[in-house]
Amino acid sequence: VSSSCQNTDNTKLTLSQEEKNEMLFM
């Protein structure tokens, strides 16, 4: 349960390069 609650940075690390490029463009 504890490891499933640690969602803050784990989801951030799974961003695709396309998503990162989109953020930079925006």
mmCIF file of all heavy atoms, coordinates in Angstrom:
data_MODEL
# 
_entry.id   MODEL 
# 
loop_
_atom_site.group_PDB 
_atom_site.id 
_atom_site.type_symbol 
_atom_site.label_atom_id 
_atom_site.label_alt_id 
_atom_site.label_comp_id 
_atom_site.label_asym_id 
_atom_site.label_entity_id 
_atom_site.label_seq_id 
_atom_site.pdbx_PDB_ins_code 
_atom_site.Cartn_x 
_atom_site.Cartn_y 
_atom_site.Cartn_z 
_atom_site.occupancy 
_atom_site.B_iso_or_equiv 
_atom_site.pdbx_formal_charge 
_atom_site.auth_seq_id 
_atom_site.auth_comp_id 
_atom_site.auth_asym_id 
_atom_site.auth_atom_id 
_atom_site.pdbx_PDB_model_num 
ATOM 1   N N   . VAL A 1 1  ? 0.845  -1.197 0.000   1.00 0.00 ? 1  VAL A N   1 
ATOM 2   C CA  . VAL A 1 1  ? 0.000  0.000  0.000   1.00 0.00 ? 1  VAL A CA  1 
ATOM 3   C C   . VAL A 1 1  ? 0.879  1.246  0.000   1.00 0.00 ? 1  VAL A C   1 
ATOM 4   O O   . VAL A 1 1  ? 0.628  2.199  -0.732  1.00 0.00 ? 1  VAL A O   1 
ATOM 5   C CB  . VAL A 1 1  ? -0.956 -0.002 1.224   1.00 0.00 ? 1  VAL A CB  1 
ATOM 6   C CG1 . VAL A 1 1  ? -1.638 1.341  1.395   1.00 0.00 ? 1  VAL A CG1 1 
ATOM 7   C CG2 . VAL A 1 1  ? -1.982 -1.103 1.090   1.00 0.00 ? 1  VAL A CG2 1 
ATOM 8   N N   . SER A 1 2  ? 1.917  1.238  0.798   1.00 0.00 ? 2  SER A N   1 
ATOM 9   C CA  . SER A 1 2  ? 2.805  2.380  0.894   1.00 0.00 ? 2  SER A CA  1 
ATOM 10  C C   . SER A 1 2  ? 3.456  2.693  -0.450  1.00 0.00 ? 2  SER A C   1 
ATOM 11  O O   . SER A 1 2  ? 3.512  3.836  -0.868  1.00 0.00 ? 2  SER A O   1 
ATOM 12  C CB  . SER A 1 2  ? 3.873  2.100  1.944   1.00 0.00 ? 2  SER A CB  1 
ATOM 13  O OG  . SER A 1 2  ? 4.842  3.105  1.936   1.00 0.00 ? 2  SER A OG  1 
ATOM 14  N N   . SER A 1 3  ? 3.934  1.664  -1.140  1.00 0.00 ? 3  SER A N   1 
ATOM 15  C CA  . SER A 1 3  ? 4.602  1.918  -2.419  1.00 0.00 ? 3  SER A CA  1 
ATOM 16  C C   . SER A 1 3  ? 3.611  2.368  -3.478  1.00 0.00 ? 3  SER A C   1 
ATOM 17  O O   . SER A 1 3  ? 3.949  3.150  -4.348  1.00 0.00 ? 3  SER A O   1 
ATOM 18  C CB  . SER A 1 3  ? 5.374  0.685  -2.884  1.00 0.00 ? 3  SER A CB  1 
ATOM 19  O OG  . SER A 1 3  ? 4.476  -0.348 -3.195  1.00 0.00 ? 3  SER A OG  1 
ATOM 20  N N   . SER A 1 4  ? 2.362  1.935  -3.401  1.00 0.00 ? 4  SER A N   1 
ATOM 21  C CA  . SER A 1 4  ? 1.384  2.377  -4.391  1.00 0.00 ? 4  SER A CA  1 
ATOM 22  C C   . SER A 1 4  ? 0.966  3.819  -4.152  1.00 0.00 ? 4  SER A C   1 
ATOM 23  O O   . SER A 1 4  ? 0.472  4.480  -5.051  1.00 0.00 ? 4  SER A O   1 
ATOM 24  C CB  . SER A 1 4  ? 0.156  1.469  -4.384  1.00 0.00 ? 4  SER A CB  1 
ATOM 25  O OG  . SER A 1 4  ? -0.597 1.667  -3.214  1.00 0.00 ? 4  SER A OG  1 
ATOM 26  N N   . CYS A 1 5  ? 1.162  4.337  -2.962  1.00 0.00 ? 5  CYS A N   1 
ATOM 27  C CA  . CYS A 1 5  ? 0.819  5.727  -2.666  1.00 0.00 ? 5  CYS A CA  1 
ATOM 28  C C   . CYS A 1 5  ? 1.918  6.689  -3.096  1.00 0.00 ? 5  CYS A C   1 
ATOM 29  O O   . CYS A 1 5  ? 1.699  7.879  -3.173  1.00 0.00 ? 5  CYS A O   1 
ATOM 30  C CB  . CYS A 1 5  ? 0.559  5.913  -1.174  1.00 0.00 ? 5  CYS A CB  1 
ATOM 31  S SG  . CYS A 1 5  ? -0.949 5.100  -0.632  1.00 0.00 ? 5  CYS A SG  1 
ATOM 32  N N   . GLN A 1 6  ? 3.096  6.197  -3.346  1.00 0.00 ? 6  GLN A N   1 
ATOM 33  C CA  . GLN A 1 6  ? 4.205  7.056  -3.739  1.00 0.00 ? 6  GLN A CA  1 
ATOM 34  C C   . GLN A 1 6  ? 4.125  7.320  -5.233  1.00 0.00 ? 6  GLN A C   1 
ATOM 35  O O   . GLN A 1 6  ? 4.888  6.800  -6.023  1.00 0.00 ? 6  GLN A O   1 
ATOM 36  C CB  . GLN A 1 6  ? 5.540  6.398  -3.387  1.00 0.00 ? 6  GLN A CB  1 
ATOM 37  C CG  . GLN A 1 6  ? 5.738  6.236  -1.908  1.00 0.00 ? 6  GLN A CG  1 
ATOM 38  C CD  . GLN A 1 6  ? 6.994  5.458  -1.597  1.00 0.00 ? 6  GLN A CD  1 
ATOM 39  O OE1 . GLN A 1 6  ? 7.667  4.947  -2.483  1.00 0.00 ? 6  GLN A OE1 1 
ATOM 40  N NE2 . GLN A 1 6  ? 7.323  5.357  -0.332  1.00 0.00 ? 6  GLN A NE2 1 
ATOM 41  N N   . ASN A 1 7  ? 3.213  8.199  -5.611  1.00 0.00 ? 7  ASN A N   1 
ATOM 42  C CA  . ASN A 1 7  ? 2.919  8.441  -7.008  1.00 0.00 ? 7  ASN A CA  1 
ATOM 43  C C   . ASN A 1 7  ? 3.502  9.745  -7.520  1.00 0.00 ? 7  ASN A C   1 
ATOM 44  O O   . ASN A 1 7  ? 3.469  10.011 -8.693  1.00 0.00 ? 7  ASN A O   1 
ATOM 45  C CB  . ASN A 1 7  ? 1.390  8.446  -7.175  1.00 0.00 ? 7  ASN A CB  1 
ATOM 46  C CG  . ASN A 1 7  ? 0.966  8.224  -8.590  1.00 0.00 ? 7  ASN A CG  1 
ATOM 47  O OD1 . ASN A 1 7  ? 1.760  7.790  -9.397  1.00 0.00 ? 7  ASN A OD1 1 
ATOM 48  N ND2 . ASN A 1 7  ? -0.268 8.537  -8.875  1.00 0.00 ? 7  ASN A ND2 1 
ATOM 49  N N   . THR A 1 8  ? 4.055  10.547 -6.640  1.00 0.00 ? 8  THR A N   1 
ATOM 50  C CA  . THR A 1 8  ? 4.436  11.893 -7.035  1.00 0.00 ? 8  THR A CA  1 
ATOM 51  C C   . THR A 1 8  ? 5.497  11.919 -8.125  1.00 0.00 ? 8  THR A C   1 
ATOM 52  O O   . THR A 1 8  ? 5.253  12.463 -9.187  1.00 0.00 ? 8  THR A O   1 
ATOM 53  C CB  . THR A 1 8  ? 4.935  12.692 -5.818  1.00 0.00 ? 8  THR A CB  1 
ATOM 54  O OG1 . THR A 1 8  ? 5.978  11.955 -5.185  1.00 0.00 ? 8  THR A OG1 1 
ATOM 55  C CG2 . THR A 1 8  ? 3.813  12.948 -4.848  1.00 0.00 ? 8  THR A CG2 1 
ATOM 56  N N   . ASP A 1 9  ? 6.646  11.370 -7.891  1.00 0.00 ? 9  ASP A N   1 
ATOM 57  C CA  . ASP A 1 9  ? 7.692  11.449 -8.903  1.00 0.00 ? 9  ASP A CA  1 
ATOM 58  C C   . ASP A 1 9  ? 7.671  10.286 -9.871  1.00 0.00 ? 9  ASP A C   1 
ATOM 59  O O   . ASP A 1 9  ? 8.181  10.401 -10.963 1.00 0.00 ? 9  ASP A O   1 
ATOM 60  C CB  . ASP A 1 9  ? 9.068  11.571 -8.256  1.00 0.00 ? 9  ASP A CB  1 
ATOM 61  C CG  . ASP A 1 9  ? 9.377  12.999 -7.850  1.00 0.00 ? 9  ASP A CG  1 
ATOM 62  O OD1 . ASP A 1 9  ? 8.641  13.916 -8.234  1.00 0.00 ? 9  ASP A OD1 1 
ATOM 63  O OD2 . ASP A 1 9  ? 10.366 13.175 -7.145  1.00 0.00 ? 9  ASP A OD2 1 
ATOM 64  N N   . ASN A 1 10 ? 7.088  9.165  -9.488  1.00 0.00 ? 10 ASN A N   1 
ATOM 65  C CA  . ASN A 1 10 ? 7.073  8.011  -10.391 1.00 0.00 ? 10 ASN A CA  1 
ATOM 66  C C   . ASN A 1 10 ? 6.338  8.330  -11.680 1.00 0.00 ? 10 ASN A C   1 
ATOM 67  O O   . ASN A 1 10 ? 6.790  7.977  -12.754 1.00 0.00 ? 10 ASN A O   1 
ATOM 68  C CB  . ASN A 1 10 ? 6.443  6.789  -9.705  1.00 0.00 ? 10 ASN A CB  1 
ATOM 69  C CG  . ASN A 1 10 ? 7.313  6.265  -8.579  1.00 0.00 ? 10 ASN A CG  1 
ATOM 70  O OD1 . ASN A 1 10 ? 8.480  6.613  -8.492  1.00 0.00 ? 10 ASN A OD1 1 
ATOM 71  N ND2 . ASN A 1 10 ? 6.745  5.439  -7.727  1.00 0.00 ? 10 ASN A ND2 1 
ATOM 72  N N   . THR A 1 11 ? 5.195  9.005  -11.605 1.00 0.00 ? 11 THR A N   1 
ATOM 73  C CA  . THR A 1 11 ? 4.467  9.338  -12.824 1.00 0.00 ? 11 THR A CA  1 
ATOM 74  C C   . THR A 1 11 ? 5.225  10.375 -13.638 1.00 0.00 ? 11 THR A C   1 
ATOM 75  O O   . THR A 1 11 ? 5.137  10.390 -14.842 1.00 0.00 ? 11 THR A O   1 
ATOM 76  C CB  . THR A 1 11 ? 3.053  9.864  -12.519 1.00 0.00 ? 11 THR A CB  1 
ATOM 77  O OG1 . THR A 1 11 ? 3.168  10.980 -11.654 1.00 0.00 ? 11 THR A OG1 1 
ATOM 78  C CG2 . THR A 1 11 ? 2.180  8.800  -11.917 1.00 0.00 ? 11 THR A CG2 1 
ATOM 79  N N   . LYS A 1 12 ? 5.965  11.230 -12.985 1.00 0.00 ? 12 LYS A N   1 
ATOM 80  C CA  . LYS A 1 12 ? 6.716  12.259 -13.692 1.00 0.00 ? 12 LYS A CA  1 
ATOM 81  C C   . LYS A 1 12 ? 7.837  11.634 -14.519 1.00 0.00 ? 12 LYS A C   1 
ATOM 82  O O   . LYS A 1 12 ? 8.168  12.133 -15.562 1.00 0.00 ? 12 LYS A O   1 
ATOM 83  C CB  . LYS A 1 12 ? 7.316  13.281 -12.722 1.00 0.00 ? 12 LYS A CB  1 
ATOM 84  C CG  . LYS A 1 12 ? 6.323  13.919 -11.781 1.00 0.00 ? 12 LYS A CG  1 
ATOM 85  C CD  . LYS A 1 12 ? 5.177  14.567 -12.497 1.00 0.00 ? 12 LYS A CD  1 
ATOM 86  C CE  . LYS A 1 12 ? 4.189  15.135 -11.526 1.00 0.00 ? 12 LYS A CE  1 
ATOM 87  N NZ  . LYS A 1 12 ? 2.828  15.080 -11.918 1.00 0.00 ? 12 LYS A NZ  1 
ATOM 88  N N   . LEU A 1 13 ? 8.375  10.535 -14.037 1.00 0.00 ? 13 LEU A N   1 
ATOM 89  C CA  . LEU A 1 13 ? 9.469  9.893  -14.752 1.00 0.00 ? 13 LEU A CA  1 
ATOM 90  C C   . LEU A 1 13 ? 8.989  9.122  -15.968 1.00 0.00 ? 13 LEU A C   1 
ATOM 91  O O   . LEU A 1 13 ? 9.776  8.784  -16.836 1.00 0.00 ? 13 LEU A O   1 
ATOM 92  C CB  . LEU A 1 13 ? 10.233 8.952  -13.807 1.00 0.00 ? 13 LEU A CB  1 
ATOM 93  C CG  . LEU A 1 13 ? 10.914 9.635  -12.623 1.00 0.00 ? 13 LEU A CG  1 
ATOM 94  C CD1 . LEU A 1 13 ? 11.538 8.604  -11.695 1.00 0.00 ? 13 LEU A CD1 1 
ATOM 95  C CD2 . LEU A 1 13 ? 11.955 10.620 -13.093 1.00 0.00 ? 13 LEU A CD2 1 
ATOM 96  N N   . THR A 1 14 ? 7.693  8.864  -16.058 1.00 0.00 ? 14 THR A N   1 
ATOM 97  C CA  . THR A 1 14 ? 7.180  8.080  -17.170 1.00 0.00 ? 14 THR A CA  1 
ATOM 98  C C   . THR A 1 14 ? 6.677  8.955  -18.322 1.00 0.00 ? 14 THR A C   1 
ATOM 99  O O   . THR A 1 14 ? 6.102  8.439  -19.256 1.00 0.00 ? 14 THR A O   1 
ATOM 100 C CB  . THR A 1 14 ? 6.038  7.151  -16.703 1.00 0.00 ? 14 THR A CB  1 
ATOM 101 O OG1 . THR A 1 14 ? 4.972  7.954  -16.194 1.00 0.00 ? 14 THR A OG1 1 
ATOM 102 C CG2 . THR A 1 14 ? 6.513  6.174  -15.652 1.00 0.00 ? 14 THR A CG2 1 
ATOM 103 N N   . LEU A 1 15 ? 6.879  10.244 -18.253 1.00 0.00 ? 15 LEU A N   1 
ATOM 104 C CA  . LEU A 1 15 ? 6.468  11.105 -19.354 1.00 0.00 ? 15 LEU A CA  1 
ATOM 105 C C   . LEU A 1 15 ? 7.266  10.767 -20.601 1.00 0.00 ? 15 LEU A C   1 
ATOM 106 O O   . LEU A 1 15 ? 8.479  10.554 -20.539 1.00 0.00 ? 15 LEU A O   1 
ATOM 107 C CB  . LEU A 1 15 ? 6.694  12.582 -19.005 1.00 0.00 ? 15 LEU A CB  1 
ATOM 108 C CG  . LEU A 1 15 ? 5.825  13.175 -17.899 1.00 0.00 ? 15 LEU A CG  1 
ATOM 109 C CD1 . LEU A 1 15 ? 6.238  14.612 -17.625 1.00 0.00 ? 15 LEU A CD1 1 
ATOM 110 C CD2 . LEU A 1 15 ? 4.360  13.098 -18.252 1.00 0.00 ? 15 LEU A CD2 1 
ATOM 111 N N   . SER A 1 16 ? 6.581  10.737 -21.723 1.00 0.00 ? 16 SER A N   1 
ATOM 112 C CA  . SER A 1 16 ? 7.267  10.476 -22.990 1.00 0.00 ? 16 SER A CA  1 
ATOM 113 C C   . SER A 1 16 ? 8.053  11.717 -23.410 1.00 0.00 ? 16 SER A C   1 
ATOM 114 O O   . SER A 1 16 ? 7.804  12.828 -22.918 1.00 0.00 ? 16 SER A O   1 
ATOM 115 C CB  . SER A 1 16 ? 6.252  10.119 -24.073 1.00 0.00 ? 16 SER A CB  1 
ATOM 116 O OG  . SER A 1 16 ? 5.483  11.267 -24.422 1.00 0.00 ? 16 SER A OG  1 
ATOM 117 N N   . GLN A 1 17 ? 8.964  11.527 -24.327 1.00 0.00 ? 17 GLN A N   1 
ATOM 118 C CA  . GLN A 1 17 ? 9.722  12.664 -24.850 1.00 0.00 ? 17 GLN A CA  1 
ATOM 119 C C   . GLN A 1 17 ? 8.772  13.646 -25.545 1.00 0.00 ? 17 GLN A C   1 
ATOM 120 O O   . GLN A 1 17 ? 8.956  14.856 -25.476 1.00 0.00 ? 17 GLN A O   1 
ATOM 121 C CB  . GLN A 1 17 ? 10.822 12.197 -25.812 1.00 0.00 ? 17 GLN A CB  1 
ATOM 122 C CG  . GLN A 1 17 ? 11.787 13.304 -26.193 1.00 0.00 ? 17 GLN A CG  1 
ATOM 123 C CD  . GLN A 1 17 ? 12.481 13.930 -24.988 1.00 0.00 ? 17 GLN A CD  1 
ATOM 124 O OE1 . GLN A 1 17 ? 13.007 13.227 -24.128 1.00 0.00 ? 17 GLN A OE1 1 
ATOM 125 N NE2 . GLN A 1 17 ? 12.489 15.252 -24.919 1.00 0.00 ? 17 GLN A NE2 1 
ATOM 126 N N   . GLU A 1 18 ? 7.736  13.116 -26.170 1.00 0.00 ? 18 GLU A N   1 
ATOM 127 C CA  . GLU A 1 18 ? 6.734  13.966 -26.821 1.00 0.00 ? 18 GLU A CA  1 
ATOM 128 C C   . GLU A 1 18 ? 6.039  14.880 -25.797 1.00 0.00 ? 18 GLU A C   1 
ATOM 129 O O   . GLU A 1 18 ? 5.838  16.075 -26.054 1.00 0.00 ? 18 GLU A O   1 
ATOM 130 C CB  . GLU A 1 18 ? 5.698  13.100 -27.534 1.00 0.00 ? 18 GLU A CB  1 
ATOM 131 C CG  . GLU A 1 18 ? 4.614  13.883 -28.238 1.00 0.00 ? 18 GLU A CG  1 
ATOM 132 C CD  . GLU A 1 18 ? 3.559  12.989 -28.868 1.00 0.00 ? 18 GLU A CD  1 
ATOM 133 O OE1 . GLU A 1 18 ? 3.882  11.856 -29.278 1.00 0.00 ? 18 GLU A OE1 1 
ATOM 134 O OE2 . GLU A 1 18 ? 2.403  13.434 -28.932 1.00 0.00 ? 18 GLU A OE2 1 
ATOM 135 N N   . GLU A 1 19 ? 5.702  14.324 -24.634 1.00 0.00 ? 19 GLU A N   1 
ATOM 136 C CA  . GLU A 1 19 ? 5.064  15.126 -23.581 1.00 0.00 ? 19 GLU A CA  1 
ATOM 137 C C   . GLU A 1 19 ? 6.010  16.208 -23.062 1.00 0.00 ? 19 GLU A C   1 
ATOM 138 O O   . GLU A 1 19 ? 5.595  17.346 -22.824 1.00 0.00 ? 19 GLU A O   1 
ATOM 139 C CB  . GLU A 1 19 ? 4.612  14.232 -22.429 1.00 0.00 ? 19 GLU A CB  1 
ATOM 140 C CG  . GLU A 1 19 ? 3.426  13.352 -22.766 1.00 0.00 ? 19 GLU A CG  1 
ATOM 141 C CD  . GLU A 1 19 ? 3.136  12.338 -21.692 1.00 0.00 ? 19 GLU A CD  1 
ATOM 142 O OE1 . GLU A 1 19 ? 3.999  11.456 -21.455 1.00 0.00 ? 19 GLU A OE1 1 
ATOM 143 O OE2 . GLU A 1 19 ? 2.050  12.425 -21.089 1.00 0.00 ? 19 GLU A OE2 1 
ATOM 144 N N   . LYS A 1 20 ? 7.270  15.844 -22.900 1.00 0.00 ? 20 LYS A N   1 
ATOM 145 C CA  . LYS A 1 20 ? 8.262  16.812 -22.435 1.00 0.00 ? 20 LYS A CA  1 
ATOM 146 C C   . LYS A 1 20 ? 8.443  17.929 -23.461 1.00 0.00 ? 20 LYS A C   1 
ATOM 147 O O   . LYS A 1 20 ? 8.493  19.108 -23.104 1.00 0.00 ? 20 LYS A O   1 
ATOM 148 C CB  . LYS A 1 20 ? 9.594  16.124 -22.163 1.00 0.00 ? 20 LYS A CB  1 
ATOM 149 C CG  . LYS A 1 20 ? 9.535  15.148 -20.999 1.00 0.00 ? 20 LYS A CG  1 
ATOM 150 C CD  . LYS A 1 20 ? 10.833 14.381 -20.866 1.00 0.00 ? 20 LYS A CD  1 
ATOM 151 C CE  . LYS A 1 20 ? 10.731 13.324 -19.768 1.00 0.00 ? 20 LYS A CE  1 
ATOM 152 N NZ  . LYS A 1 20 ? 11.978 12.546 -19.648 1.00 0.00 ? 20 LYS A NZ  1 
ATOM 153 N N   . ASN A 1 21 ? 8.527  17.552 -24.741 1.00 0.00 ? 21 ASN A N   1 
ATOM 154 C CA  . ASN A 1 21 ? 8.664  18.546 -25.805 1.00 0.00 ? 21 ASN A CA  1 
ATOM 155 C C   . ASN A 1 21 ? 7.443  19.461 -25.854 1.00 0.00 ? 21 ASN A C   1 
ATOM 156 O O   . ASN A 1 21 ? 7.573  20.665 -26.097 1.00 0.00 ? 21 ASN A O   1 
ATOM 157 C CB  . ASN A 1 21 ? 8.874  17.868 -27.158 1.00 0.00 ? 21 ASN A CB  1 
ATOM 158 C CG  . ASN A 1 21 ? 10.215 17.175 -27.265 1.00 0.00 ? 21 ASN A CG  1 
ATOM 159 O OD1 . ASN A 1 21 ? 11.133 17.428 -26.491 1.00 0.00 ? 21 ASN A OD1 1 
ATOM 160 N ND2 . ASN A 1 21 ? 10.325 16.268 -28.218 1.00 0.00 ? 21 ASN A ND2 1 
ATOM 161 N N   . GLU A 1 22 ? 6.273  18.884 -25.621 1.00 0.00 ? 22 GLU A N   1 
ATOM 162 C CA  . GLU A 1 22 ? 5.029  19.667 -25.607 1.00 0.00 ? 22 GLU A CA  1 
ATOM 163 C C   . GLU A 1 22 ? 5.073  20.714 -24.502 1.00 0.00 ? 22 GLU A C   1 
ATOM 164 O O   . GLU A 1 22 ? 4.692  21.866 -24.703 1.00 0.00 ? 22 GLU A O   1 
ATOM 165 C CB  . GLU A 1 22 ? 3.828  18.740 -25.409 1.00 0.00 ? 22 GLU A CB  1 
ATOM 166 C CG  . GLU A 1 22 ? 2.491  19.415 -25.572 1.00 0.00 ? 22 GLU A CG  1 
ATOM 167 C CD  . GLU A 1 22 ? 2.187  19.785 -27.003 1.00 0.00 ? 22 GLU A CD  1 
ATOM 168 O OE1 . GLU A 1 22 ? 2.445  18.963 -27.901 1.00 0.00 ? 22 GLU A OE1 1 
ATOM 169 O OE2 . GLU A 1 22 ? 1.691  20.908 -27.231 1.00 0.00 ? 22 GLU A OE2 1 
ATOM 170 N N   . MET A 1 23 ? 5.566  20.336 -23.345 1.00 0.00 ? 23 MET A N   1 
ATOM 171 C CA  . MET A 1 23 ? 5.674  21.283 -22.227 1.00 0.00 ? 23 MET A CA  1 
ATOM 172 C C   . MET A 1 23 ? 6.621  22.426 -22.573 1.00 0.00 ? 23 MET A C   1 
ATOM 173 O O   . MET A 1 23 ? 6.327  23.595 -22.290 1.00 0.00 ? 23 MET A O   1 
ATOM 174 C CB  . MET A 1 23 ? 6.169  20.570 -20.971 1.00 0.00 ? 23 MET A CB  1 
ATOM 175 C CG  . MET A 1 23 ? 5.163  19.657 -20.350 1.00 0.00 ? 23 MET A CG  1 
ATOM 176 S SD  . MET A 1 23 ? 5.904  18.811 -18.926 1.00 0.00 ? 23 MET A SD  1 
ATOM 177 C CE  . MET A 1 23 ? 4.653  17.584 -18.608 1.00 0.00 ? 23 MET A CE  1 
ATOM 178 N N   . LEU A 1 24 ? 7.751  22.100 -23.169 1.00 0.00 ? 24 LEU A N   1 
ATOM 179 C CA  . LEU A 1 24 ? 8.719  23.120 -23.555 1.00 0.00 ? 24 LEU A CA  1 
ATOM 180 C C   . LEU A 1 24 ? 8.126  24.059 -24.607 1.00 0.00 ? 24 LEU A C   1 
ATOM 181 O O   . LEU A 1 24 ? 8.310  25.276 -24.546 1.00 0.00 ? 24 LEU A O   1 
ATOM 182 C CB  . LEU A 1 24 ? 10.001 22.466 -24.076 1.00 0.00 ? 24 LEU A CB  1 
ATOM 183 C CG  . LEU A 1 24 ? 10.812 21.708 -23.025 1.00 0.00 ? 24 LEU A CG  1 
ATOM 184 C CD1 . LEU A 1 24 ? 11.851 20.813 -23.690 1.00 0.00 ? 24 LEU A CD1 1 
ATOM 185 C CD2 . LEU A 1 24 ? 11.468 22.666 -22.041 1.00 0.00 ? 24 LEU A CD2 1 
ATOM 186 N N   . PHE A 1 25 ? 7.397  23.486 -25.556 1.00 0.00 ? 25 PHE A N   1 
ATOM 187 C CA  . PHE A 1 25 ? 6.738  24.291 -26.583 1.00 0.00 ? 25 PHE A CA  1 
ATOM 188 C C   . PHE A 1 25 ? 5.701  25.220 -25.966 1.00 0.00 ? 25 PHE A C   1 
ATOM 189 O O   . PHE A 1 25 ? 5.638  26.408 -26.299 1.00 0.00 ? 25 PHE A O   1 
ATOM 190 C CB  . PHE A 1 25 ? 6.080  23.376 -27.631 1.00 0.00 ? 25 PHE A CB  1 
ATOM 191 C CG  . PHE A 1 25 ? 5.334  24.144 -28.685 1.00 0.00 ? 25 PHE A CG  1 
ATOM 192 C CD1 . PHE A 1 25 ? 6.000  24.711 -29.760 1.00 0.00 ? 25 PHE A CD1 1 
ATOM 193 C CD2 . PHE A 1 25 ? 3.959  24.315 -28.589 1.00 0.00 ? 25 PHE A CD2 1 
ATOM 194 C CE1 . PHE A 1 25 ? 5.309  25.437 -30.726 1.00 0.00 ? 25 PHE A CE1 1 
ATOM 195 C CE2 . PHE A 1 25 ? 3.265  25.033 -29.549 1.00 0.00 ? 25 PHE A CE2 1 
ATOM 196 C CZ  . PHE A 1 25 ? 3.936  25.595 -30.618 1.00 0.00 ? 25 PHE A CZ  1 
ATOM 197 N N   . MET A 1 26 ? 4.893  24.681 -25.050 1.00 0.00 ? 26 MET A N   1 
ATOM 198 C CA  . MET A 1 26 ? 3.840  25.489 -24.428 1.00 0.00 ? 26 MET A CA  1 
ATOM 199 C C   . MET A 1 26 ? 4.438  26.653 -23.631 1.00 0.00 ? 26 MET A C   1 
ATOM 200 O O   . MET A 1 26 ? 3.874  27.744 -23.616 1.00 0.00 ? 26 MET A O   1 
ATOM 201 C CB  . MET A 1 26 ? 2.941  24.637 -23.538 1.00 0.00 ? 26 MET A CB  1 
ATOM 202 C CG  . MET A 1 26 ? 2.089  23.614 -24.282 1.00 0.00 ? 26 MET A CG  1 
ATOM 203 S SD  . MET A 1 26 ? 1.087  24.274 -25.634 1.00 0.00 ? 26 MET A SD  1 
ATOM 204 C CE  . MET A 1 26 ? 0.108  25.486 -24.791 1.00 0.00 ? 26 MET A CE  1 
# 
